[in-house]
N, C-alpha and C. Protein backbone atom coordinates (compact mmCIF):
# COMPACT_ATOMS: atom_id res chain seq x y z
N SER A 1 112.87 -68.63 -71.03
CA SER A 1 113.46 -68.60 -69.85
C SER A 1 112.48 -68.97 -68.90
N MET A 2 113.31 -69.07 -67.07
CA MET A 2 112.57 -69.94 -66.77
C MET A 2 112.35 -69.23 -65.31
N ARG A 3 111.44 -69.39 -64.34
CA ARG A 3 111.24 -69.14 -63.10
C ARG A 3 110.92 -70.00 -62.14
N CYS A 4 111.64 -70.20 -60.77
CA CYS A 4 111.07 -71.33 -59.88
C CYS A 4 111.20 -70.63 -58.49
N CYS A 5 110.01 -71.10 -57.57
CA CYS A 5 110.09 -70.98 -56.01
C CYS A 5 109.39 -72.05 -56.10
N ARG A 6 110.20 -73.28 -55.90
CA ARG A 6 109.91 -74.52 -55.27
C ARG A 6 111.07 -74.48 -54.42
N SER A 7 110.69 -76.09 -53.58
CA SER A 7 111.80 -76.03 -52.44
C SER A 7 113.07 -76.81 -53.34
N ILE A 8 113.11 -77.65 -54.21
CA ILE A 8 113.98 -78.52 -55.07
C ILE A 8 113.78 -78.29 -56.55
N LEU A 9 115.19 -77.67 -57.18
CA LEU A 9 114.76 -77.45 -58.58
C LEU A 9 116.72 -78.59 -58.97
N ILE A 10 116.26 -78.82 -60.11
CA ILE A 10 117.59 -79.90 -60.85
C ILE A 10 117.29 -79.32 -62.32
N LEU A 11 118.21 -79.20 -62.46
CA LEU A 11 118.51 -78.76 -63.83
C LEU A 11 119.65 -79.81 -64.50
N TYR A 12 119.43 -80.51 -65.72
CA TYR A 12 120.69 -81.34 -66.20
C TYR A 12 120.46 -81.30 -67.68
N LYS A 13 121.37 -80.93 -68.48
CA LYS A 13 121.50 -81.00 -69.61
C LYS A 13 120.59 -80.32 -70.42
N VAL A 14 120.70 -78.98 -70.18
CA VAL A 14 119.86 -77.82 -70.80
C VAL A 14 120.28 -77.04 -71.50
N THR A 15 120.12 -76.29 -72.51
CA THR A 15 120.68 -75.27 -73.16
C THR A 15 119.75 -73.80 -72.99
N PHE A 16 120.38 -72.57 -72.49
CA PHE A 16 119.45 -71.51 -72.43
C PHE A 16 120.13 -70.29 -73.34
N ILE A 17 119.46 -70.10 -74.51
CA ILE A 17 120.32 -69.59 -75.59
C ILE A 17 119.28 -67.81 -75.75
N ASN A 18 120.02 -66.98 -75.61
CA ASN A 18 119.54 -65.48 -76.07
C ASN A 18 117.69 -65.47 -75.55
N ASN A 19 118.04 -65.77 -73.94
CA ASN A 19 117.08 -64.99 -73.23
C ASN A 19 117.23 -63.62 -72.56
N PHE A 20 116.03 -63.10 -72.34
CA PHE A 20 116.39 -61.68 -71.70
C PHE A 20 115.34 -61.52 -71.05
N VAL A 21 115.49 -60.51 -70.16
CA VAL A 21 114.39 -59.81 -69.02
C VAL A 21 114.92 -58.52 -68.19
N TRP A 22 114.77 -57.49 -69.05
CA TRP A 22 115.06 -55.84 -68.43
C TRP A 22 114.36 -54.68 -69.09
N ALA A 23 114.10 -54.20 -68.28
CA ALA A 23 113.72 -52.76 -68.86
C ALA A 23 114.81 -51.36 -68.28
N GLU A 24 115.48 -50.97 -68.77
CA GLU A 24 116.48 -50.22 -68.03
C GLU A 24 116.09 -49.30 -67.22
N SER A 25 115.00 -48.81 -67.28
CA SER A 25 114.09 -47.50 -66.30
C SER A 25 113.83 -48.32 -65.03
N LYS A 26 114.11 -49.59 -64.52
CA LYS A 26 113.27 -50.02 -63.69
C LYS A 26 114.69 -50.98 -63.19
N CYS A 27 115.55 -51.18 -63.79
CA CYS A 27 116.58 -51.81 -63.37
C CYS A 27 117.40 -51.56 -62.11
N ARG A 28 117.40 -50.01 -62.04
CA ARG A 28 117.61 -49.35 -60.58
C ARG A 28 116.98 -50.11 -59.67
N ARG A 29 115.83 -50.65 -59.69
CA ARG A 29 115.20 -50.89 -58.35
C ARG A 29 115.27 -52.39 -58.17
N GLY A 30 116.18 -53.27 -58.71
CA GLY A 30 115.98 -54.44 -58.34
C GLY A 30 115.35 -55.48 -58.86
N VAL A 31 114.83 -54.76 -60.09
CA VAL A 31 113.92 -56.25 -60.91
C VAL A 31 114.60 -56.75 -61.85
N PHE A 32 113.97 -57.44 -63.00
CA PHE A 32 114.13 -57.86 -63.78
C PHE A 32 115.80 -58.65 -63.71
N LEU A 33 115.21 -59.84 -63.15
CA LEU A 33 116.57 -60.26 -62.42
C LEU A 33 116.91 -61.99 -63.11
N GLY A 34 118.05 -62.56 -63.85
CA GLY A 34 118.02 -63.60 -64.17
C GLY A 34 117.61 -64.22 -65.82
N GLY A 35 118.41 -63.89 -66.71
CA GLY A 35 117.97 -63.73 -67.92
C GLY A 35 117.32 -65.15 -68.52
N GLY A 36 118.30 -66.04 -67.92
CA GLY A 36 118.00 -67.46 -68.48
C GLY A 36 117.00 -68.33 -67.03
N ILE A 37 117.52 -68.03 -65.80
CA ILE A 37 116.81 -68.70 -64.88
C ILE A 37 116.69 -67.59 -63.51
N LEU A 38 115.61 -67.48 -63.12
CA LEU A 38 115.63 -66.95 -61.69
C LEU A 38 114.57 -67.68 -60.83
N VAL A 39 115.91 -67.80 -59.46
CA VAL A 39 115.08 -68.94 -58.53
C VAL A 39 115.02 -68.02 -57.24
N LYS A 40 114.07 -68.16 -56.59
CA LYS A 40 114.07 -67.50 -55.27
C LYS A 40 113.42 -68.44 -54.06
N SER A 41 113.72 -68.37 -52.92
CA SER A 41 113.49 -68.60 -51.65
C SER A 41 113.64 -70.43 -52.07
N LEU A 42 114.61 -71.05 -52.41
CA LEU A 42 115.00 -72.56 -52.44
C LEU A 42 116.00 -73.16 -51.76
N VAL A 43 115.58 -74.77 -51.26
CA VAL A 43 115.67 -75.10 -50.41
C VAL A 43 117.17 -75.84 -51.22
N ILE A 44 117.17 -76.38 -52.38
CA ILE A 44 118.44 -76.92 -52.70
C ILE A 44 117.93 -76.84 -54.46
N LEU A 45 119.09 -76.24 -54.97
CA LEU A 45 119.16 -76.21 -56.70
C LEU A 45 120.43 -76.37 -56.90
N ASN A 46 120.10 -77.33 -57.98
CA ASN A 46 121.51 -78.61 -58.66
C ASN A 46 121.27 -78.41 -60.14
N VAL A 47 122.49 -77.49 -60.58
CA VAL A 47 122.57 -77.70 -62.11
C VAL A 47 124.01 -78.24 -62.52
N HIS A 48 123.35 -79.11 -63.55
CA HIS A 48 124.61 -79.82 -64.10
C HIS A 48 124.48 -79.96 -65.48
N ARG A 49 125.95 -79.93 -66.09
CA ARG A 49 125.99 -79.33 -67.50
C ARG A 49 125.00 -78.80 -68.32
N VAL A 50 124.73 -77.55 -67.99
CA VAL A 50 124.02 -76.60 -68.36
C VAL A 50 124.70 -75.62 -69.31
N ILE A 51 124.36 -75.29 -70.34
CA ILE A 51 124.77 -74.33 -71.27
C ILE A 51 124.16 -72.94 -71.27
N PHE A 52 124.80 -71.75 -71.03
CA PHE A 52 124.13 -70.40 -71.28
C PHE A 52 124.91 -69.75 -71.93
N ILE A 53 124.04 -69.20 -73.37
CA ILE A 53 124.83 -68.76 -73.88
C ILE A 53 124.04 -66.90 -74.51
N ASN A 54 124.66 -66.04 -74.24
CA ASN A 54 124.14 -64.83 -74.38
C ASN A 54 122.41 -64.14 -74.21
N ASN A 55 122.67 -64.61 -72.22
CA ASN A 55 121.17 -64.11 -71.96
C ASN A 55 121.78 -62.92 -71.03
N SER A 56 120.63 -61.87 -70.73
CA SER A 56 120.97 -60.62 -70.59
C SER A 56 119.67 -60.56 -69.32
N ALA A 57 120.09 -59.76 -68.52
CA ALA A 57 119.21 -59.11 -67.35
C ALA A 57 119.98 -58.01 -66.64
N CYS A 58 118.95 -57.65 -66.03
CA CYS A 58 119.44 -56.36 -65.01
C CYS A 58 120.91 -56.94 -63.95
N HIS A 59 120.53 -57.90 -63.16
CA HIS A 59 121.34 -58.45 -62.14
C HIS A 59 121.14 -60.45 -62.45
N GLY A 60 122.63 -60.85 -62.92
CA GLY A 60 122.61 -62.29 -63.00
C GLY A 60 122.18 -62.62 -64.77
N GLY A 61 122.84 -62.40 -65.62
CA GLY A 61 122.67 -62.49 -67.16
C GLY A 61 122.35 -63.68 -67.20
N ALA A 62 122.57 -64.77 -66.75
CA ALA A 62 121.88 -66.20 -67.12
C ALA A 62 121.46 -66.99 -65.95
N ILE A 63 121.78 -66.74 -64.73
CA ILE A 63 121.18 -67.08 -63.55
C ILE A 63 121.43 -66.27 -62.35
N HIS A 64 119.52 -66.00 -61.85
CA HIS A 64 120.29 -64.96 -60.60
C HIS A 64 119.14 -65.97 -59.45
N VAL A 65 120.21 -66.56 -58.49
CA VAL A 65 119.41 -67.17 -57.37
C VAL A 65 119.52 -66.56 -56.12
N SER A 66 118.30 -66.48 -55.15
CA SER A 66 118.26 -66.00 -53.99
C SER A 66 117.36 -66.71 -52.96
N LYS A 67 117.89 -66.54 -51.78
CA LYS A 67 117.38 -66.84 -50.59
C LYS A 67 117.09 -68.78 -50.58
N PHE A 68 118.79 -69.04 -50.44
CA PHE A 68 118.63 -70.58 -50.61
C PHE A 68 119.52 -71.46 -49.47
N ILE A 69 119.67 -72.73 -49.31
CA ILE A 69 120.43 -73.40 -48.22
C ILE A 69 121.22 -73.84 -49.33
N LYS A 70 121.33 -74.43 -50.14
CA LYS A 70 122.34 -75.57 -51.04
C LYS A 70 122.14 -75.06 -52.46
N CYS A 71 123.35 -74.83 -53.01
CA CYS A 71 123.33 -74.07 -54.67
C CYS A 71 124.27 -75.07 -54.94
N SER A 72 124.56 -75.76 -55.70
CA SER A 72 125.39 -76.08 -56.53
C SER A 72 125.31 -76.28 -58.06
N VAL A 73 126.38 -75.99 -58.60
CA VAL A 73 126.47 -75.85 -59.98
C VAL A 73 127.73 -76.25 -60.35
N GLU A 74 127.64 -77.67 -61.48
CA GLU A 74 128.55 -78.16 -61.99
C GLU A 74 128.53 -78.55 -63.59
N ASN A 75 129.99 -78.76 -63.85
CA ASN A 75 130.16 -79.13 -65.43
C ASN A 75 129.15 -77.79 -66.36
N CYS A 76 129.45 -76.46 -66.02
CA CYS A 76 128.51 -75.85 -66.89
C CYS A 76 129.30 -74.92 -67.80
N SER A 77 128.46 -74.27 -68.52
CA SER A 77 129.33 -73.14 -69.68
C SER A 77 128.18 -71.81 -69.71
N PHE A 78 128.86 -70.41 -68.87
CA PHE A 78 128.39 -69.31 -69.45
C PHE A 78 129.55 -68.64 -70.28
N ILE A 79 128.61 -68.41 -71.49
CA ILE A 79 129.11 -67.68 -72.66
C ILE A 79 128.38 -66.35 -72.93
N GLY A 80 129.23 -65.37 -72.87
CA GLY A 80 128.12 -64.22 -73.80
C GLY A 80 127.45 -63.62 -73.07
N ASN A 81 127.00 -63.77 -71.73
CA ASN A 81 126.10 -63.19 -71.11
C ASN A 81 126.19 -62.03 -70.22
N ASN A 82 125.34 -61.54 -70.12
CA ASN A 82 125.47 -59.82 -69.80
C ASN A 82 124.51 -59.69 -68.69
N ALA A 83 124.88 -58.83 -68.11
CA ALA A 83 123.96 -57.89 -66.62
C ALA A 83 124.54 -56.52 -66.92
N THR A 84 123.30 -55.73 -67.07
CA THR A 84 123.25 -54.39 -66.91
C THR A 84 123.81 -53.99 -65.74
N ARG A 85 123.78 -54.31 -64.65
CA ARG A 85 124.46 -54.29 -63.36
C ARG A 85 125.28 -55.03 -62.79
N ASN A 86 125.00 -56.00 -62.08
CA ASN A 86 125.76 -57.51 -61.46
C ASN A 86 125.79 -58.44 -61.83
N GLY A 87 126.88 -59.22 -61.75
CA GLY A 87 126.75 -60.57 -62.58
C GLY A 87 126.47 -61.09 -63.49
N GLY A 88 127.82 -60.71 -64.20
CA GLY A 88 127.37 -61.00 -65.71
C GLY A 88 126.76 -62.25 -66.41
N GLY A 89 127.28 -63.52 -65.63
CA GLY A 89 126.96 -64.76 -66.19
C GLY A 89 126.30 -65.63 -64.69
N LEU A 90 126.57 -65.35 -63.41
CA LEU A 90 125.65 -65.75 -62.46
C LEU A 90 125.75 -64.78 -61.19
N TYR A 91 124.39 -64.67 -60.48
CA TYR A 91 124.48 -63.77 -59.44
C TYR A 91 123.62 -64.72 -58.15
N ILE A 92 124.48 -64.89 -57.33
CA ILE A 92 123.97 -65.73 -56.30
C ILE A 92 123.81 -65.03 -55.11
N ASP A 93 122.59 -64.99 -54.45
CA ASP A 93 122.27 -63.83 -53.59
C ASP A 93 121.62 -64.29 -52.28
N ARG A 94 122.27 -63.87 -51.30
CA ARG A 94 121.69 -64.05 -49.54
C ARG A 94 121.42 -65.49 -49.40
N GLY A 95 122.26 -66.16 -49.39
CA GLY A 95 122.33 -67.99 -48.83
C GLY A 95 123.04 -68.69 -48.15
N GLY A 96 122.99 -69.75 -47.97
CA GLY A 96 123.75 -70.78 -47.29
C GLY A 96 125.27 -71.10 -48.15
N ARG A 97 125.05 -72.47 -48.36
CA ARG A 97 126.17 -73.20 -49.19
C ARG A 97 126.21 -72.60 -50.85
N ALA A 98 127.01 -72.38 -50.95
CA ALA A 98 127.17 -72.10 -52.94
C ALA A 98 128.38 -72.71 -53.24
N ARG A 99 128.33 -73.72 -54.27
CA ARG A 99 129.37 -74.50 -54.42
C ARG A 99 129.40 -74.59 -56.13
N LEU A 100 130.57 -74.15 -56.81
CA LEU A 100 130.64 -74.53 -58.29
C LEU A 100 131.71 -75.30 -58.34
N TYR A 101 131.64 -76.02 -59.51
CA TYR A 101 132.95 -77.13 -59.66
C TYR A 101 133.11 -77.18 -61.32
N LYS A 102 133.84 -77.01 -61.69
CA LYS A 102 134.12 -77.55 -63.54
C LYS A 102 133.09 -76.44 -64.37
N ILE A 103 133.34 -75.13 -63.86
CA ILE A 103 132.58 -74.15 -64.59
C ILE A 103 133.51 -73.69 -65.53
N THR A 104 133.05 -73.28 -66.60
CA THR A 104 133.82 -72.33 -67.88
C THR A 104 132.88 -70.73 -68.05
N PHE A 105 133.44 -69.78 -67.33
CA PHE A 105 132.83 -68.41 -67.69
C PHE A 105 133.73 -67.62 -68.82
N ILE A 106 133.39 -67.66 -69.97
CA ILE A 106 133.78 -66.71 -71.06
C ILE A 106 133.15 -65.51 -71.63
N ASN A 107 133.66 -64.61 -71.54
CA ASN A 107 132.87 -63.13 -72.30
C ASN A 107 131.79 -62.65 -71.47
N ASN A 108 131.71 -62.65 -70.26
CA ASN A 108 130.55 -62.37 -69.62
C ASN A 108 130.38 -60.97 -69.12
N LYS A 109 129.61 -59.92 -69.13
CA LYS A 109 129.84 -58.76 -68.67
C LYS A 109 128.87 -58.21 -67.41
N GLY A 110 129.57 -57.44 -66.59
CA GLY A 110 128.37 -57.23 -65.23
C GLY A 110 129.00 -56.11 -65.36
N LYS A 111 128.08 -54.92 -65.84
CA LYS A 111 128.60 -53.22 -65.51
C LYS A 111 129.02 -52.78 -64.25
N ASP A 112 128.45 -53.29 -63.06
CA ASP A 112 129.08 -52.83 -61.54
C ASP A 112 130.18 -53.98 -60.93
N VAL A 113 129.55 -54.87 -60.74
CA VAL A 113 130.98 -55.71 -59.82
C VAL A 113 130.41 -57.18 -60.53
N GLY A 114 131.56 -58.07 -60.74
CA GLY A 114 131.29 -59.49 -61.12
C GLY A 114 130.97 -59.41 -62.57
N GLY A 115 131.86 -59.55 -63.40
CA GLY A 115 131.63 -60.17 -64.74
C GLY A 115 131.30 -61.38 -65.00
N GLY A 116 131.85 -62.21 -64.33
CA GLY A 116 131.58 -63.65 -64.56
C GLY A 116 130.45 -64.16 -63.67
N ILE A 117 130.70 -63.83 -62.06
CA ILE A 117 130.05 -64.06 -61.27
C ILE A 117 129.93 -63.59 -60.10
N VAL A 118 128.99 -63.17 -59.37
CA VAL A 118 128.53 -62.40 -58.06
C VAL A 118 128.10 -63.59 -56.99
N PHE A 119 129.18 -63.58 -55.92
CA PHE A 119 128.09 -63.98 -54.44
C PHE A 119 127.70 -63.04 -53.75
N TRP A 120 127.11 -62.80 -53.24
CA TRP A 120 126.17 -61.45 -52.42
C TRP A 120 125.86 -62.24 -51.46
N LEU A 121 126.27 -61.76 -50.00
CA LEU A 121 125.94 -62.05 -48.70
C LEU A 121 125.68 -63.45 -48.74
N VAL A 122 126.58 -64.29 -48.88
CA VAL A 122 126.62 -66.06 -48.59
C VAL A 122 127.61 -66.37 -47.75
N PHE A 123 126.80 -67.30 -46.63
CA PHE A 123 127.93 -67.76 -45.68
C PHE A 123 128.97 -68.84 -46.01
N HIS A 124 129.13 -69.31 -47.12
CA HIS A 124 130.14 -69.91 -47.55
C HIS A 124 129.82 -70.23 -49.15
N CYS A 125 130.90 -70.07 -49.79
CA CYS A 125 131.46 -70.20 -51.26
C CYS A 125 132.30 -71.09 -51.73
N SER A 126 132.38 -71.85 -52.33
CA SER A 126 133.18 -72.63 -52.56
C SER A 126 133.37 -73.05 -54.28
N ILE A 127 134.57 -72.94 -54.92
CA ILE A 127 134.50 -72.64 -56.48
C ILE A 127 135.81 -73.49 -56.88
N ALA A 128 135.99 -74.51 -57.40
CA ALA A 128 136.71 -75.11 -57.67
C ALA A 128 137.10 -75.53 -59.23
N MET A 129 138.32 -75.54 -59.88
CA MET A 129 138.59 -76.25 -61.51
C MET A 129 137.59 -75.17 -62.09
N THR A 130 137.45 -74.10 -62.09
CA THR A 130 136.76 -73.10 -62.94
C THR A 130 137.83 -72.36 -63.55
N TYR A 131 137.46 -72.19 -64.57
CA TYR A 131 138.15 -71.24 -66.03
C TYR A 131 137.17 -69.79 -66.18
N PHE A 132 137.53 -68.65 -65.84
CA PHE A 132 137.56 -67.35 -66.02
C PHE A 132 138.37 -67.01 -67.20
N THR A 133 137.79 -66.34 -68.22
CA THR A 133 138.70 -65.54 -69.33
C THR A 133 137.60 -64.86 -70.26
N LEU A 134 138.52 -63.37 -70.48
CA LEU A 134 137.60 -62.03 -71.18
C LEU A 134 136.32 -62.05 -70.31
N ASN A 135 135.88 -61.73 -68.95
CA ASN A 135 135.13 -61.33 -68.59
C ASN A 135 135.28 -59.81 -68.14
N THR A 136 134.56 -59.00 -68.02
CA THR A 136 134.69 -57.69 -67.55
C THR A 136 133.55 -57.32 -66.40
N ALA A 137 133.81 -56.13 -65.56
CA ALA A 137 133.70 -55.74 -64.87
C ALA A 137 133.95 -53.97 -64.28
N ASP A 138 133.03 -52.94 -63.32
CA ASP A 138 134.02 -52.30 -62.86
C ASP A 138 134.86 -52.96 -61.64
N HIS A 139 134.42 -53.61 -61.09
CA HIS A 139 134.95 -54.60 -60.12
C HIS A 139 134.60 -55.77 -59.98
N GLY A 140 136.07 -56.47 -59.86
CA GLY A 140 136.16 -57.77 -60.07
C GLY A 140 135.94 -58.39 -61.41
N GLY A 141 136.80 -58.43 -61.93
CA GLY A 141 136.26 -58.80 -63.46
C GLY A 141 135.76 -59.95 -63.91
N GLY A 142 136.44 -61.14 -63.39
CA GLY A 142 136.27 -62.59 -63.08
C GLY A 142 134.95 -62.57 -61.92
N MET A 143 135.21 -62.48 -60.56
CA MET A 143 134.57 -62.89 -59.53
C MET A 143 134.60 -61.68 -58.61
N PHE A 144 133.06 -61.63 -57.88
CA PHE A 144 133.18 -60.84 -56.79
C PHE A 144 132.22 -61.34 -55.95
N ALA A 145 132.96 -61.44 -54.59
CA ALA A 145 132.36 -62.58 -53.58
C ALA A 145 131.88 -61.56 -52.22
N LEU A 146 130.84 -61.12 -51.59
CA LEU A 146 130.30 -61.00 -50.35
C LEU A 146 130.19 -61.83 -49.43
N GLY A 147 130.84 -61.99 -48.54
CA GLY A 147 130.43 -62.76 -47.51
C GLY A 147 129.54 -61.91 -46.09
N LEU A 148 128.77 -62.64 -45.57
CA LEU A 148 128.13 -62.49 -43.93
C LEU A 148 128.97 -62.10 -42.98
N GLY A 149 130.48 -61.89 -43.35
CA GLY A 149 131.40 -61.78 -41.84
C GLY A 149 131.63 -62.76 -41.28
N SER A 150 131.58 -63.04 -39.81
CA SER A 150 132.23 -63.50 -38.61
C SER A 150 132.07 -65.31 -39.10
N ARG A 151 131.00 -65.71 -39.80
CA ARG A 151 131.14 -66.97 -39.54
C ARG A 151 131.50 -67.31 -41.55
N ALA A 152 131.43 -66.49 -42.07
CA ALA A 152 131.38 -66.68 -43.55
C ALA A 152 132.63 -66.94 -44.23
N THR A 153 132.97 -68.07 -44.88
CA THR A 153 134.07 -68.73 -45.18
C THR A 153 133.83 -68.33 -47.19
N ALA A 154 135.28 -68.58 -47.78
CA ALA A 154 135.43 -68.85 -48.98
C ALA A 154 136.39 -69.26 -49.22
N THR A 155 136.35 -70.29 -50.42
CA THR A 155 137.67 -71.29 -50.95
C THR A 155 137.31 -70.95 -52.27
N VAL A 156 138.72 -70.88 -52.90
CA VAL A 156 138.93 -70.68 -54.49
C VAL A 156 139.99 -72.07 -54.62
N TYR A 157 139.66 -72.79 -55.48
CA TYR A 157 141.12 -74.22 -55.48
C TYR A 157 140.92 -74.25 -57.45
N LYS A 158 142.33 -74.68 -57.35
CA LYS A 158 142.18 -74.83 -58.96
C LYS A 158 141.43 -74.33 -59.57
N VAL A 159 141.56 -72.67 -59.61
CA VAL A 159 140.69 -72.12 -60.71
C VAL A 159 141.88 -71.12 -61.32
N ILE A 160 141.69 -70.96 -62.59
CA ILE A 160 141.75 -70.34 -63.96
C ILE A 160 141.18 -68.92 -64.02
N PHE A 161 142.39 -67.51 -63.46
CA PHE A 161 141.82 -66.01 -64.16
C PHE A 161 142.58 -65.85 -65.17
N LYS A 162 142.24 -65.42 -66.35
CA LYS A 162 143.19 -65.13 -67.58
C LYS A 162 142.35 -64.02 -68.36
N LYS A 163 142.88 -63.09 -68.65
CA LYS A 163 142.65 -61.66 -69.56
C LYS A 163 141.42 -61.21 -68.66
N ASN A 164 141.14 -61.37 -67.71
CA ASN A 164 139.71 -60.70 -67.05
C ASN A 164 140.10 -58.81 -67.10
N SER A 165 139.27 -58.19 -66.65
CA SER A 165 139.31 -56.82 -66.86
C SER A 165 138.29 -56.05 -66.35
N ALA A 166 138.90 -55.29 -64.92
CA ALA A 166 137.84 -54.37 -64.25
C ALA A 166 138.26 -52.63 -64.39
N SER A 167 137.20 -52.02 -64.61
CA SER A 167 137.83 -50.73 -65.08
C SER A 167 138.09 -50.04 -63.66
N ASN A 168 138.14 -50.40 -62.32
CA ASN A 168 138.33 -49.96 -61.21
C ASN A 168 139.23 -50.29 -60.54
N ALA A 169 140.22 -50.41 -61.15
CA ALA A 169 141.15 -50.88 -60.11
C ALA A 169 141.05 -52.34 -59.33
N GLN A 170 140.22 -53.16 -59.51
CA GLN A 170 140.11 -54.28 -58.86
C GLN A 170 139.52 -55.76 -59.58
N HIS A 171 140.88 -56.16 -59.75
CA HIS A 171 141.30 -56.92 -60.83
C HIS A 171 140.06 -58.21 -61.20
N ALA A 172 141.25 -59.41 -61.24
CA ALA A 172 139.90 -60.56 -61.51
C ALA A 172 139.10 -60.88 -60.48
N ILE A 173 139.77 -60.55 -59.16
CA ILE A 173 138.91 -61.97 -58.29
C ILE A 173 138.79 -60.25 -57.16
N VAL A 174 137.59 -60.35 -56.35
CA VAL A 174 137.67 -59.33 -55.20
C VAL A 174 136.82 -60.37 -54.01
N LEU A 175 136.76 -60.90 -52.98
CA LEU A 175 136.71 -61.27 -51.72
C LEU A 175 136.68 -60.37 -50.59
N LYS A 176 135.35 -60.12 -49.92
CA LYS A 176 135.25 -59.06 -48.98
C LYS A 176 134.27 -59.89 -48.04
N TYR A 177 134.57 -59.62 -46.54
CA TYR A 177 133.67 -60.29 -45.23
C TYR A 177 133.44 -61.49 -45.17
N PHE A 178 134.52 -62.53 -45.68
CA PHE A 178 134.73 -63.70 -45.31
C PHE A 178 135.75 -63.88 -44.21
N ASP A 179 135.21 -63.67 -43.03
CA ASP A 179 135.77 -62.87 -41.43
C ASP A 179 136.30 -64.44 -40.93
N ASN A 180 135.47 -65.44 -41.30
CA ASN A 180 135.85 -66.96 -40.64
C ASN A 180 137.11 -67.42 -41.91
N TYR A 181 137.19 -67.93 -42.92
CA TYR A 181 138.25 -67.62 -43.15
C TYR A 181 138.30 -67.50 -45.24
N ILE A 182 139.36 -67.47 -45.62
CA ILE A 182 139.48 -67.32 -47.13
C ILE A 182 140.91 -68.17 -47.66
N ALA A 183 140.17 -68.89 -48.55
CA ALA A 183 141.31 -70.17 -48.81
C ALA A 183 141.72 -69.79 -50.24
N VAL A 184 142.56 -69.67 -50.90
CA VAL A 184 142.79 -69.49 -52.31
C VAL A 184 144.10 -70.27 -52.66
N ILE A 185 144.04 -71.52 -53.32
CA ILE A 185 144.84 -72.51 -53.05
C ILE A 185 144.91 -72.96 -54.73
N HIS A 186 146.44 -72.59 -55.21
CA HIS A 186 146.66 -74.08 -56.52
C HIS A 186 146.03 -72.96 -57.62
N CYS A 187 145.58 -71.63 -57.76
CA CYS A 187 145.26 -71.08 -58.86
C CYS A 187 146.25 -70.13 -59.67
N SER A 188 145.49 -69.82 -60.78
CA SER A 188 146.47 -69.18 -61.73
C SER A 188 145.76 -67.77 -62.42
N PHE A 189 146.88 -66.76 -62.16
CA PHE A 189 146.37 -65.55 -62.69
C PHE A 189 147.11 -64.70 -63.50
N THR A 190 146.59 -64.71 -64.89
CA THR A 190 147.63 -64.33 -65.97
C THR A 190 146.75 -63.46 -66.88
N GLY A 191 147.54 -62.37 -67.14
CA GLY A 191 146.85 -61.02 -68.10
C GLY A 191 145.77 -60.81 -67.65
N ASN A 192 145.51 -60.82 -66.44
CA ASN A 192 143.98 -59.68 -66.03
C ASN A 192 144.60 -58.33 -65.71
N HIS A 193 143.66 -57.31 -65.99
CA HIS A 193 144.04 -55.83 -65.82
C HIS A 193 142.96 -54.76 -65.42
N ALA A 194 143.16 -53.90 -65.19
CA ALA A 194 142.07 -52.99 -64.44
C ALA A 194 142.38 -51.66 -64.92
């Protein structure tokens, strides 16, 4: 696995398989983050054509990103990753602009929120042409997003949510506290359940 605390990180054509970081006794205190990648206090993160398979952590089974200005994830696959708490595939925490484009989330698990992905306290999240299937969590089987209130925006464009499950009656997607606007455009929801 990888840990980074620099100003710019670019990952291109990399594969992360079977990495893990956690100890169940300490998971409740917010440690053991990002099974494949942990990135903190970064200005720019660009992740392109990266594959994450069977990685595990407490938060962010494959990637945990926190305190960033700009985060871009494109043409990546998250398959079979697990978070014992939140964000089975990807956990994006306390940041500026997060953009995801052409991502595949398949069979990722987050125990509490976001089987595929969690956006936590972000100003703007944009996700386009992405596919979520067979992801599970208590809340937001595919995606769970929590904005920063009055200036926060969320855009979900041409995203497919298929057969994701949430055990606590919040199905494929949960969007909260994006008070400026939320746009869900040309999306498909099929066979998701709680």
